[in-house]
C-alpha atoms as a PDB file:
ATOM      1  CA  UNK A   1      25.539  10.093  75.570  1.00  0.00           C
ATOM      2  CA  UNK A   2      23.259   7.108  75.222  1.00  0.00           C
ATOM      3  CA  UNK A   3      20.817   6.925  72.329  1.00  0.00           C
ATOM      4  CA  UNK A   4      18.735   4.200  74.000  1.00  0.00           C
ATOM      5  CA  UNK A   5      15.053   4.847  73.378  1.00  0.00           C
ATOM      6  CA  UNK A   6      11.846   2.945  72.554  1.00  0.00           C
ATOM      7  CA  UNK A   7      11.281   1.756  68.995  1.00  0.00           C
ATOM      8  CA  UNK A   8       9.523   4.326  66.849  1.00  0.00           C
ATOM      9  CA  UNK A   9       6.165   3.287  65.377  1.00  0.00           C
ATOM     10  CA  UNK A  10       5.627   2.787  61.670  1.00  0.00           C
ATOM     11  CA  UNK A  11       4.556   6.317  60.691  1.00  0.00           C
ATOM     12  CA  UNK A  12       2.116   5.076  58.033  1.00  0.00           C
ATOM     13  CA  UNK A  13       0.233   3.086  60.689  1.00  0.00           C
ATOM     14  CA  UNK A  14      -0.583   6.442  62.324  1.00  0.00           C
ATOM     15  CA  UNK A  15      -2.242   7.910  59.212  1.00  0.00           C
ATOM     16  CA  UNK A  16      -5.666   7.265  57.690  1.00  0.00           C
ATOM     17  CA  UNK A  17      -5.633   3.984  55.737  1.00  0.00           C
ATOM     18  CA  UNK A  18      -5.023   4.034  51.990  1.00  0.00           C
ATOM     19  CA  UNK A  19      -5.300   1.473  49.218  1.00  0.00           C
ATOM     20  CA  UNK A  20      -2.088  -0.501  48.775  1.00  0.00           C
ATOM     21  CA  UNK A  21       0.233  -0.328  45.774  1.00  0.00           C
ATOM     22  CA  UNK A  22       3.273  -2.473  45.041  1.00  0.00           C
ATOM     23  CA  UNK A  23       6.701  -0.791  45.399  1.00  0.00           C
ATOM     24  CA  UNK A  24       9.878  -2.732  44.617  1.00  0.00           C
ATOM     25  CA  UNK A  25      13.539  -2.152  43.903  1.00  0.00           C
ATOM     26  CA  UNK A  26      16.129  -4.354  42.229  1.00  0.00           C
ATOM     27  CA  UNK A  27      18.573  -3.105  44.898  1.00  0.00           C
ATOM     28  CA  UNK A  28      16.914  -4.645  47.975  1.00  0.00           C
ATOM     29  CA  UNK A  29      13.881  -6.582  49.136  1.00  0.00           C
ATOM     30  CA  UNK A  30      11.377  -5.193  51.611  1.00  0.00           C
ATOM     31  CA  UNK A  31      12.736  -5.536  55.158  1.00  0.00           C
ATOM     32  CA  UNK A  32      16.275  -6.413  54.045  1.00  0.00           C
ATOM     33  CA  UNK A  33      19.559  -4.522  54.200  1.00  0.00           C
ATOM     34  CA  UNK A  34      19.836  -1.327  52.195  1.00  0.00           C
ATOM     35  CA  UNK A  35      22.997  -1.606  50.061  1.00  0.00           C
ATOM     36  CA  UNK A  36      25.881   0.677  50.989  1.00  0.00           C
ATOM     37  CA  UNK A  37      25.591   2.574  47.675  1.00  0.00           C
ATOM     38  CA  UNK A  38      22.390   4.118  49.092  1.00  0.00           C
ATOM     39  CA  UNK A  39      24.163   5.416  52.205  1.00  0.00           C
ATOM     40  CA  UNK A  40      26.126   8.627  52.579  1.00  0.00           C
ATOM     41  CA  UNK A  41      29.335   6.691  53.126  1.00  0.00           C
ATOM     42  CA  UNK A  42      28.910   4.500  50.052  1.00  0.00           C
ATOM     43  CA  UNK A  43      27.679   6.635  47.199  1.00  0.00           C
ATOM     44  CA  UNK A  44      24.617   8.550  48.380  1.00  0.00           C
ATOM     45  CA  UNK A  45      22.613   7.287  45.402  1.00  0.00           C
ATOM     46  CA  UNK A  46      18.843   6.759  45.396  1.00  0.00           C
ATOM     47  CA  UNK A  47      17.804   3.200  44.558  1.00  0.00           C
ATOM     48  CA  UNK A  48      15.811   2.367  41.457  1.00  0.00           C
ATOM     49  CA  UNK A  49      12.134   2.245  42.379  1.00  0.00           C
ATOM     50  CA  UNK A  50       9.346   0.478  40.455  1.00  0.00           C
ATOM     51  CA  UNK A  51       5.662   0.596  41.304  1.00  0.00           C
ATOM     52  CA  UNK A  52       2.339  -0.756  40.111  1.00  0.00           C
ATOM     53  CA  UNK A  53      -1.276  -0.942  41.182  1.00  0.00           C
ATOM     54  CA  UNK A  54      -2.159   2.744  41.100  1.00  0.00           C
ATOM     55  CA  UNK A  55      -5.920   3.212  41.137  1.00  0.00           C
ATOM     56  CA  UNK A  56      -7.918   4.793  38.341  1.00  0.00           C
ATOM     57  CA  UNK A  57      -7.903   8.553  38.747  1.00  0.00           C
ATOM     58  CA  UNK A  58      -4.229   8.813  39.680  1.00  0.00           C
ATOM     59  CA  UNK A  59      -2.986  12.182  38.421  1.00  0.00           C
ATOM     60  CA  UNK A  60       0.489  12.286  39.983  1.00  0.00           C
ATOM     61  CA  UNK A  61       2.854  10.644  42.445  1.00  0.00           C
ATOM     62  CA  UNK A  62       4.962  11.820  45.364  1.00  0.00           C
ATOM     63  CA  UNK A  63       7.985   9.716  46.313  1.00  0.00           C
ATOM     64  CA  UNK A  64       9.399   9.898  49.834  1.00  0.00           C
ATOM     65  CA  UNK A  65      12.137   8.339  51.945  1.00  0.00           C
ATOM     66  CA  UNK A  66      11.798   8.666  55.710  1.00  0.00           C
ATOM     67  CA  UNK A  67      13.808   7.331  58.662  1.00  0.00           C
ATOM     68  CA  UNK A  68      11.456   7.062  61.661  1.00  0.00           C
ATOM     69  CA  UNK A  69      14.321   5.719  63.808  1.00  0.00           C
ATOM     70  CA  UNK A  70      16.436   8.882  63.751  1.00  0.00           C
ATOM     71  CA  UNK A  71      17.092  10.145  67.291  1.00  0.00           C
ATOM     72  CA  UNK A  72      14.833  13.177  66.861  1.00  0.00           C
ATOM     73  CA  UNK A  73      11.182  13.745  67.789  1.00  0.00           C
ATOM     74  CA  UNK A  74      10.328  14.048  64.084  1.00  0.00           C
ATOM     75  CA  UNK A  75      12.381  11.330  62.392  1.00  0.00           C
ATOM     76  CA  UNK A  76      14.488  12.314  59.371  1.00  0.00           C
ATOM     77  CA  UNK A  77      13.374  13.052  55.795  1.00  0.00           C
ATOM     78  CA  UNK A  78      15.875  11.777  53.219  1.00  0.00           C
ATOM     79  CA  UNK A  79      13.856  12.554  50.101  1.00  0.00           C
ATOM     80  CA  UNK A  80      10.556  14.047  48.955  1.00  0.00           C
ATOM     81  CA  UNK A  81       9.934  14.247  45.192  1.00  0.00           C
ATOM     82  CA  UNK A  82       6.734  15.914  43.969  1.00  0.00           C
ATOM     83  CA  UNK A  83       4.841  16.090  40.677  1.00  0.00           C
ATOM     84  CA  UNK A  84       5.782  12.762  39.138  1.00  0.00           C
ATOM     85  CA  UNK A  85       3.396  12.196  36.214  1.00  0.00           C
ATOM     86  CA  UNK A  86       0.953   9.252  36.287  1.00  0.00           C
ATOM     87  CA  UNK A  87       2.600   7.717  33.196  1.00  0.00           C
ATOM     88  CA  UNK A  88       5.854   7.190  35.168  1.00  0.00           C
ATOM     89  CA  UNK A  89       6.117   3.952  37.158  1.00  0.00           C
ATOM     90  CA  UNK A  90       9.905   3.747  37.536  1.00  0.00           C
ATOM     91  CA  UNK A  91      12.545   6.078  38.874  1.00  0.00           C
ATOM     92  CA  UNK A  92      16.051   5.076  37.805  1.00  0.00           C
ATOM     93  CA  UNK A  93      18.919   4.512  40.222  1.00  0.00           C
ATOM     94  CA  UNK A  94      20.316   7.895  41.157  1.00  0.00           C
ATOM     95  CA  UNK A  95      16.863   9.445  41.527  1.00  0.00           C
ATOM     96  CA  UNK A  96      16.710  11.469  38.315  1.00  0.00           C
ATOM     97  CA  UNK A  97      13.224  12.948  38.160  1.00  0.00           C
ATOM     98  CA  UNK A  98      11.070  13.298  35.051  1.00  0.00           C
ATOM     99  CA  UNK A  99      10.438  16.697  33.509  1.00  0.00           C
ATOM    100  CA  UNK A 100       8.191  18.873  35.676  1.00  0.00           C
ATOM    101  CA  UNK A 101       8.849  16.959  38.904  1.00  0.00           C
ATOM    102  CA  UNK A 102      10.945  18.465  41.691  1.00  0.00           C
ATOM    103  CA  UNK A 103      12.436  17.617  45.070  1.00  0.00           C
ATOM    104  CA  UNK A 104      12.029  19.699  48.189  1.00  0.00           C
ATOM    105  CA  UNK A 105      14.856  20.290  50.650  1.00  0.00           C
ATOM    106  CA  UNK A 106      15.507  17.169  52.731  1.00  0.00           C
ATOM    107  CA  UNK A 107      16.604  17.198  56.382  1.00  0.00           C
ATOM    108  CA  UNK A 108      20.253  17.373  55.282  1.00  0.00           C
ATOM    109  CA  UNK A 109      19.355  20.767  53.807  1.00  0.00           C
ATOM    110  CA  UNK A 110      19.810  19.734  50.186  1.00  0.00           C
ATOM    111  CA  UNK A 111      17.543  18.918  47.261  1.00  0.00           C
ATOM    112  CA  UNK A 112      17.212  15.344  46.066  1.00  0.00           C
ATOM    113  CA  UNK A 113      18.043  12.095  47.805  1.00  0.00           C
ATOM    114  CA  UNK A 114      20.276  12.045  50.877  1.00  0.00           C
ATOM    115  CA  UNK A 115      21.626   8.611  51.753  1.00  0.00           C
ATOM    116  CA  UNK A 116      21.344   6.576  54.931  1.00  0.00           C
ATOM    117  CA  UNK A 117      23.560   7.730  57.801  1.00  0.00           C
ATOM    118  CA  UNK A 118      22.381   6.534  61.204  1.00  0.00           C
ATOM    119  CA  UNK A 119      24.538   7.356  64.206  1.00  0.00           C
ATOM    120  CA  UNK A 120      27.297   4.738  64.667  1.00  0.00           C
ATOM    121  CA  UNK A 121      26.242   1.980  67.068  1.00  0.00           C
ATOM    122  CA  UNK A 122      22.573   3.058  67.107  1.00  0.00           C
ATOM    123  CA  UNK A 123      21.303  -0.214  65.664  1.00  0.00           C
ATOM    124  CA  UNK A 124      19.460  -0.663  62.378  1.00  0.00           C
ATOM    125  CA  UNK A 125      17.367   2.207  61.080  1.00  0.00           C
ATOM    126  CA  UNK A 126      14.391   1.760  58.761  1.00  0.00           C
ATOM    127  CA  UNK A 127      14.544   3.714  55.505  1.00  0.00           C
ATOM    128  CA  UNK A 128      10.937   3.780  54.352  1.00  0.00           C
ATOM    129  CA  UNK A 129      10.576   4.547  50.661  1.00  0.00           C
ATOM    130  CA  UNK A 130       6.980   5.313  49.723  1.00  0.00           C
ATOM    131  CA  UNK A 131       5.118   6.093  46.514  1.00  0.00           C
ATOM    132  CA  UNK A 132       1.918   8.053  47.068  1.00  0.00           C
ATOM    133  CA  UNK A 133      -0.676   8.020  44.247  1.00  0.00           C
ATOM    134  CA  UNK A 134      -2.622  11.267  44.224  1.00  0.00           C
ATOM    135  CA  UNK A 135      -5.899  12.371  42.677  1.00  0.00           C
ATOM    136  CA  UNK A 136      -4.388  15.763  41.799  1.00  0.00           C
ATOM    137  CA  UNK A 137      -1.529  16.868  39.609  1.00  0.00           C
ATOM    138  CA  UNK A 138      -0.915  20.070  41.590  1.00  0.00           C
ATOM    139  CA  UNK A 139      -0.439  20.283  45.342  1.00  0.00           C
ATOM    140  CA  UNK A 140       0.012  24.057  45.081  1.00  0.00           C
ATOM    141  CA  UNK A 141       3.558  23.789  46.438  1.00  0.00           C
ATOM    142  CA  UNK A 142       6.997  24.502  45.048  1.00  0.00           C
ATOM    143  CA  UNK A 143      10.529  23.422  45.925  1.00  0.00           C
ATOM    144  CA  UNK A 144      10.610  25.779  48.925  1.00  0.00           C
ATOM    145  CA  UNK A 145       7.993  23.643  50.749  1.00  0.00           C
ATOM    146  CA  UNK A 146       9.126  21.565  53.704  1.00  0.00           C
ATOM    147  CA  UNK A 147       8.932  17.774  53.673  1.00  0.00           C
ATOM    148  CA  UNK A 148       6.282  17.915  56.398  1.00  0.00           C
ATOM    149  CA  UNK A 149       4.212  20.441  54.398  1.00  0.00           C
ATOM    150  CA  UNK A 150       4.257  18.192  51.319  1.00  0.00           C
ATOM    151  CA  UNK A 151       3.167  15.163  53.348  1.00  0.00           C
ATOM    152  CA  UNK A 152       0.405  17.112  55.092  1.00  0.00           C
ATOM    153  CA  UNK A 153      -0.826  18.651  51.834  1.00  0.00           C
ATOM    154  CA  UNK A 154      -0.964  15.336  49.953  1.00  0.00           C
ATOM    155  CA  UNK A 155      -3.209  13.572  52.500  1.00  0.00           C
ATOM    156  CA  UNK A 156      -6.597  14.826  51.193  1.00  0.00           C
ATOM    157  CA  UNK A 157      -5.561  13.768  47.673  1.00  0.00           C
ATOM    158  CA  UNK A 158      -4.139  10.336  48.590  1.00  0.00           C
ATOM    159  CA  UNK A 159      -5.591   7.436  46.600  1.00  0.00           C
ATOM    160  CA  UNK A 160      -3.042   4.711  47.396  1.00  0.00           C
ATOM    161  CA  UNK A 161       0.410   4.120  48.853  1.00  0.00           C
ATOM    162  CA  UNK A 162       3.183   1.567  48.466  1.00  0.00           C
ATOM    163  CA  UNK A 163       6.000   1.269  51.016  1.00  0.00           C
ATOM    164  CA  UNK A 164       9.371  -0.460  50.710  1.00  0.00           C
ATOM    165  CA  UNK A 165      11.653  -0.559  53.756  1.00  0.00           C
ATOM    166  CA  UNK A 166      15.430  -1.013  53.743  1.00  0.00           C
ATOM    167  CA  UNK A 167      17.509  -1.433  56.888  1.00  0.00           C
ATOM    168  CA  UNK A 168      20.885   0.195  57.444  1.00  0.00           C
ATOM    169  CA  UNK A 169      23.242   0.302  60.411  1.00  0.00           C
ATOM    170  CA  UNK A 170      26.736   1.566  61.145  1.00  0.00           C
ATOM    171  CA  UNK A 171      28.467  -0.702  63.643  1.00  0.00           C
END
């Protein structure tokens, strides 16, 4: 079976615009290769993430990792973490969340971060890590919410967003 298909759009280009925050990682630069330790085959560990530039009024953050290049009509959610307090501007490698924050089930069917795992020979996939600054500290959701429900529910509360993209491919 061939997986040839058109390139998927940047999903954040399809949403209402938001102020821009800075999101970085000591593991990789924006647009560069995602290290193997952040893939299923190499450790399945979330990268350290650091952010700045949240606007006044930020009451919480949501962190996500999405692969728009997955061969599905809906991409693939690798991670959605909710309820990160506004005082936190770093998540350590491994993705340990601060007290009170929680992850919802990713598209692998597990909580927490699920590493990169594109189909072999499919070309590079984009792993889009995003920090979403919100003007609320309660989305009214719990860990049983879907990734899509979290992303839909956060939109009216979105103040700013930072995106960091890593590329990964299995030859």
